[in-house]
Protein backbone atom coordinates (compact mmCIF):
# COMPACT_ATOMS: atom_id res chain seq x y z
CA MET A 1 0.00 0.00 0.00
CA LYS A 2 1.42 3.36 -1.02
CA LYS A 3 2.15 5.96 1.67
CA ALA A 4 0.34 9.23 1.38
CA VAL A 5 2.69 12.00 0.25
CA GLN A 6 2.11 15.33 1.95
CA LYS A 7 1.96 18.20 -0.47
CA ILE A 8 3.82 21.30 0.69
CA SER A 9 2.70 24.59 -0.73
CA PRO A 10 5.16 27.42 -1.53
CA CYS A 11 3.63 29.39 1.36
CA MET A 12 4.44 26.61 3.84
CA ASP A 13 8.04 26.47 2.52
CA LEU A 14 8.42 30.22 3.06
CA LYS A 15 7.03 29.99 6.60
CA LYS A 16 9.45 27.18 7.47
CA CYS A 17 12.38 29.16 6.06
CA CYS A 18 11.43 32.18 8.14
CA LEU A 19 11.22 30.02 11.29
CA VAL A 20 14.66 28.52 10.57
CA VAL A 21 16.21 31.95 9.99
CA LYS A 22 14.64 33.24 13.20
CA GLU A 23 15.94 30.24 15.14
CA ILE A 24 19.49 30.69 13.77
CA SER A 25 19.36 34.41 14.59
CA GLU A 26 18.34 33.66 18.19
CA ILE A 27 21.17 31.11 18.54
CA MET A 28 23.75 33.61 17.23
CA SER A 29 22.47 36.32 19.59
CA LYS A 30 22.76 33.95 22.56
CA ARG A 31 26.31 33.03 21.49
CA LYS A 32 27.31 36.68 21.22
CA LEU A 33 25.83 37.41 24.64
CA LYS A 34 27.62 34.40 26.14
CA SER A 35 30.87 35.47 24.47
CA SER A 36 30.64 38.97 25.95
CA GLN A 37 29.82 37.51 29.37
CA ASP A 38 32.71 35.06 29.10
CA ARG A 39 35.28 37.89 28.71
CA SER A 40 36.08 37.72 32.39
CA TYR A 41 39.87 37.93 32.04
CA SER A 42 40.91 41.57 32.12
CA CYS A 43 44.38 43.09 31.67
CA ASP A 44 45.26 45.11 34.79
CA ILE A 45 47.40 47.48 32.70
CA CYS A 46 45.18 48.50 29.77
CA ASN A 47 41.83 46.92 30.83
CA LYS A 48 41.51 44.94 27.59
CA LYS A 49 39.29 41.87 28.16
CA PHE A 50 39.71 38.29 27.01
CA SER A 51 37.58 35.14 27.06
CA GLN A 52 40.50 32.85 27.94
CA SER A 53 43.31 33.20 30.46
CA SER A 54 45.83 31.95 27.85
CA HIS A 55 44.90 34.86 25.56
CA LEU A 56 45.40 37.29 28.44
CA MET A 57 48.83 35.78 29.19
CA LYS A 58 49.87 36.23 25.53
CA HIS A 59 48.63 39.80 25.57
CA LYS A 60 50.55 40.67 28.75
CA LEU A 61 53.84 39.89 27.01
CA ILE A 62 53.36 43.15 25.09
CA HIS A 63 53.48 45.14 28.33
CA SER A 64 56.35 43.14 29.85
CA GLY A 65 58.78 44.08 27.10
CA GLU A 66 59.85 40.44 26.77
CA LYS A 67 60.47 39.27 23.22
CA PRO A 68 61.42 35.61 23.35
CA TYR A 69 60.64 34.84 19.70
CA THR A 70 63.47 35.68 17.27
CA CYS A 71 63.36 35.66 13.47
CA ASP A 72 66.16 33.42 12.17
CA ASN A 73 66.34 35.46 8.96
CA CYS A 74 66.92 38.99 10.26
CA GLY A 75 67.30 38.66 14.04
CA GLN A 76 64.24 40.79 14.87
CA ASP A 77 62.58 39.86 18.20
CA PHE A 78 58.86 39.50 18.91
CA SER A 79 56.70 39.13 22.01
CA ARG A 80 54.46 36.45 20.50
CA SER A 81 54.96 33.47 18.20
CA ASP A 82 51.94 34.36 16.03
CA ILE A 83 53.41 37.82 15.35
CA LEU A 84 56.72 36.18 14.40
CA SER A 85 54.88 33.86 12.00
CA LYS A 86 53.23 36.85 10.31
CA HIS A 87 56.59 38.64 10.12
CA LYS A 88 58.28 35.66 8.45
CA LEU A 89 55.99 36.05 5.45
CA ILE A 90 58.01 39.16 4.54
CA HIS A 91 61.13 37.05 3.94
CA THR A 92 59.36 34.54 1.68
CA GLY A 93 58.66 37.21 -0.93
CA TYR A 94 55.15 35.78 -1.35
CA LYS A 95 52.60 38.62 -1.53
CA PRO A 96 49.11 37.20 -2.11
CA TYR A 97 47.18 40.31 -0.99
CA LYS A 98 46.75 42.87 -3.76
CA CYS A 99 45.30 46.37 -3.53
CA ASP A 100 42.44 46.71 -6.02
CA VAL A 101 43.20 50.42 -6.49
CA CYS A 102 46.95 50.62 -7.19
CA LEU A 103 47.69 46.85 -7.53
CA LYS A 104 50.43 47.04 -4.88
CA GLN A 105 50.93 43.64 -3.24
CA PHE A 106 51.41 42.72 0.41
CA ALA A 107 52.50 39.67 2.36
CA ARG A 108 49.80 40.13 5.02
CA SER A 109 46.10 41.00 4.88
CA ASP A 110 46.32 43.43 7.82
CA THR A 111 49.05 45.39 6.02
CA LEU A 112 46.79 45.65 2.97
CA SER A 113 43.93 46.91 5.15
CA LYS A 114 46.16 49.64 6.60
CA HIS A 115 47.39 50.55 3.11
CA ARG A 116 43.86 50.97 1.71
CA VAL A 117 43.29 53.99 3.96
CA VAL A 118 45.86 55.84 1.80
CA HIS A 119 43.43 55.79 -1.13
CA THR A 120 40.42 57.01 0.86
CA GLY A 121 42.27 60.14 1.96
CA GLU A 122 40.68 59.84 5.38
CA ARG A 123 42.81 61.16 8.27
CA ALA A 124 40.70 60.55 11.33
CA PHE A 125 43.51 60.65 13.90
CA CYS A 126 44.49 64.20 14.84
CA CYS A 127 47.30 65.43 17.10
CA ASP A 128 45.76 67.75 19.73
CA LEU A 129 49.06 69.63 20.10
CA CYS A 130 49.89 70.63 16.52
CA GLY A 131 46.80 69.59 14.55
CA LYS A 132 48.66 67.18 12.29
CA LYS A 133 46.40 64.40 11.02
CA TYR A 134 47.09 60.74 10.33
CA SER A 135 45.22 57.92 8.64
CA GLN A 136 46.27 55.40 11.29
CA ALA A 137 46.28 55.53 15.10
CA PHE A 138 49.71 53.89 15.18
CA ASN A 139 51.25 56.73 13.16
CA LEU A 140 49.69 59.30 15.48
CA SER A 141 51.14 57.48 18.51
CA LYS A 142 54.61 57.58 16.94
CA HIS A 143 54.19 61.28 16.13
CA MET A 144 53.17 62.18 19.72
CA LEU A 145 56.61 61.07 20.93
CA SER A 146 58.18 63.93 18.96
CA HIS A 147 56.48 66.50 21.20
CA ASN A 148 57.97 65.34 24.51
CA GLY A 149 61.55 65.31 23.20
CA GLN A 150 62.27 62.00 24.91
CA LYS A 151 64.13 59.11 23.32
CA PRO A 152 63.13 56.17 25.52
CA TYR A 153 64.48 53.38 23.34
CA MET A 154 68.22 52.77 23.80
CA CYS A 155 70.43 50.32 21.94
CA ASP A 156 72.08 47.96 24.47
CA VAL A 157 75.04 47.49 22.14
CA CYS A 158 76.18 51.05 21.32
CA GLY A 159 74.01 53.16 23.66
CA ARG A 160 72.39 55.18 20.89
CA LYS A 161 68.87 56.39 21.74
CA PHE A 162 65.80 56.47 19.55
CA LEU A 163 62.40 58.08 19.56
CA ARG A 164 60.57 54.94 18.44
CA SER A 165 60.92 51.22 19.11
CA ASP A 166 60.61 50.29 15.43
CA VAL A 167 63.56 52.55 14.55
CA LEU A 168 65.60 50.90 17.33
CA LEU A 169 64.77 47.47 15.92
CA LYS A 170 65.96 48.51 12.47
CA HIS A 171 69.15 49.92 14.00
CA LYS A 172 69.86 46.72 15.93
CA LEU A 173 70.01 44.76 12.69
CA ILE A 174 73.30 46.55 11.97
CA HIS A 175 74.85 44.95 15.08
CA SER A 176 73.41 41.50 14.35
CA GLY A 177 75.66 41.03 11.32
CA VAL A 178 72.79 39.29 9.53
CA ARG A 179 72.34 40.48 5.95
CA ALA A 180 69.04 38.92 4.95
CA TYR A 181 68.17 41.41 2.21
CA LYS A 182 70.04 40.56 -1.00
CA CYS A 183 70.16 42.61 -4.17
CA ASP A 184 68.93 40.57 -7.15
CA LEU A 185 71.03 42.68 -9.53
CA CYS A 186 74.43 42.30 -7.84
CA ASP A 187 76.13 40.40 -5.01
CA ASN A 188 75.54 43.05 -2.34
CA SER A 189 73.43 42.17 0.73
CA PHE A 190 72.05 44.36 3.51
CA SER A 191 70.84 44.06 7.09
CA ARG A 192 67.77 46.23 6.44
CA ALA A 193 65.15 46.44 3.71
CA ASP A 194 65.37 50.25 3.50
CA CYS A 195 69.14 50.05 2.91
CA LEU A 196 68.53 47.59 0.06
CA ALA A 197 65.93 49.94 -1.45
CA LYS A 198 68.41 52.84 -1.37
CA HIS A 199 71.11 50.66 -2.91
CA LYS A 200 68.85 49.60 -5.79
CA LEU A 201 68.68 53.22 -6.93
CA VAL A 202 72.29 52.78 -8.06
CA HIS A 203 71.17 50.25 -10.64
CA SER A 204 68.47 52.55 -12.00
CA HIS A 205 70.90 55.28 -13.17
CA VAL A 206 73.63 53.74 -15.34
CA CYS A 207 75.78 55.52 -17.92
CA ASP A 208 75.20 53.82 -21.28
CA ILE A 209 78.68 54.80 -22.43
CA CYS A 210 80.98 53.60 -19.63
CA GLY A 211 78.61 51.67 -17.37
CA LYS A 212 79.25 53.82 -14.30
CA GLN A 213 76.33 53.82 -11.84
CA PHE A 214 74.77 56.68 -9.90
CA VAL A 215 72.15 57.03 -7.17
CA LYS A 216 70.71 60.27 -8.59
CA SER A 217 69.69 61.01 -12.17
CA LYS A 218 71.20 64.49 -11.80
CA SER A 219 74.62 62.97 -11.08
CA LEU A 220 74.32 60.75 -14.16
CA THR A 221 73.45 63.77 -16.35
CA SER A 222 76.50 65.68 -15.08
CA HIS A 223 78.69 62.64 -15.63
CA LYS A 224 77.55 62.19 -19.22
CA LEU A 225 78.97 65.60 -20.06
CA THR A 226 82.42 64.15 -19.47
CA HIS A 227 81.92 61.94 -22.52
CA THR A 228 81.16 64.95 -24.71
CA LYS A 229 84.50 66.12 -26.10
CA TYR A 230 85.28 69.70 -27.07
CA THR A 231 88.39 69.92 -29.25
CA CYS A 232 90.77 72.86 -29.66
CA ASP A 233 91.14 73.73 -33.36
CA LEU A 234 94.74 74.89 -32.83
CA CYS A 235 96.31 72.03 -30.88
CA ASN A 236 93.64 69.26 -30.99
CA ARG A 237 93.51 69.03 -27.19
CA HIS A 238 90.21 67.58 -25.90
CA PHE A 239 88.02 68.92 -23.09
CA SER A 240 84.96 67.49 -21.36
CA ASN A 241 83.11 70.83 -21.20
CA PHE A 242 82.99 74.06 -23.18
CA LYS A 243 84.10 76.22 -20.24
CA ASP A 244 87.47 74.47 -20.03
CA LEU A 245 87.93 74.81 -23.80
CA LYS A 246 87.18 78.54 -23.61
CA VAL A 247 89.81 79.05 -20.90
CA HIS A 248 92.28 77.01 -22.92
CA MET A 249 91.70 79.10 -26.07
CA SER A 250 92.57 82.26 -24.15
CA ILE A 251 96.11 80.87 -23.73
CA HIS A 252 96.49 80.70 -27.52
CA ARG A 253 95.31 84.28 -27.78
CA GLY A 254 97.77 85.41 -25.13
CA GLU A 255 94.98 86.51 -22.80
CA LYS A 256 95.49 86.49 -19.04
CA LEU A 257 92.08 86.06 -17.41
CA PHE A 258 93.22 85.30 -13.87
CA THR A 259 94.35 88.21 -11.69
CA CYS A 260 95.95 88.11 -8.24
CA ASP A 261 93.82 90.16 -5.82
CA ILE A 262 96.91 91.04 -3.78
CA CYS A 263 99.45 92.30 -6.34
CA ASN A 264 97.27 92.44 -9.50
CA LYS A 265 99.64 90.18 -11.43
CA GLN A 266 97.83 88.35 -14.25
CA PHE A 267 97.99 84.73 -15.41
CA ALA A 268 96.68 82.67 -18.31
CA LYS A 269 95.86 79.63 -16.14
CA SER A 270 94.04 79.37 -12.80
CA GLU A 271 96.57 76.82 -11.49
CA SER A 272 99.39 79.31 -12.22
CA LEU A 273 97.55 81.92 -10.15
CA SER A 274 97.11 79.44 -7.29
CA LYS A 275 100.85 78.66 -7.28
CA HIS A 276 101.65 82.38 -7.35
CA LYS A 277 99.42 83.17 -4.35
CA PHE A 278 101.48 80.80 -2.24
CA ILE A 279 104.29 83.37 -2.44
CA HIS A 280 102.18 85.91 -0.53
CA THR A 281 101.62 83.47 2.32
CA LEU A 282 105.38 83.44 2.99
CA ASP A 283 105.52 87.17 3.59
């Protein structure tokens, strides 16, 4: 004998869905309430609350100043192992998080989130002493140190003091001897990423005639003038710039452009004048 099949109307389906959604919503609300009630572990320094004592213990390491976790690539120390794990992503070179505005890539999602504020132009954090605004609270905190004139972070190796802890950490890499940042264009390696970035500028300005490298484009432009030869029509002597050729031509014409400001004696060459002036120092 066939069992009777209950027909369910679309209206009944909708009612059941609404009941399910309502039930899930009530469960989530109860969980949230329980979670807020469970945050019974409070930090006695900054009053931040945690649901587990182990989380509070991890948090307290920040205030203690202890940094037992060391990066084996660059020697930088951290208060927690999870922060060290995040930091290590920098050394892998893997950057899976991409900004959808400028396409810049990051190793960590939180770094990308902080970066995105740059594009919004929002500067919600304002210094109440000078009115300077920042997009991130961390940057404002670092700036506030500049007003008190104190340098609380001292290097235990050389005694040099710093305004900020992150600057001290960068400085300490110099003493570690570890050079984890290698240039992919030459054999040079550096203890800090910013030093590598500065070094790479050398490779961006190269003379296409002699291969000499320069940090600044202005220096390269000046250097290139040395390859431009100006030739004297009378003696075929070569000069790197027109000014030197002009001075040289005055010798052929018998002109004496350089005058001693002490005895008014005149000379065809500047080096002859310099030698002559030495005489007056003996008087």
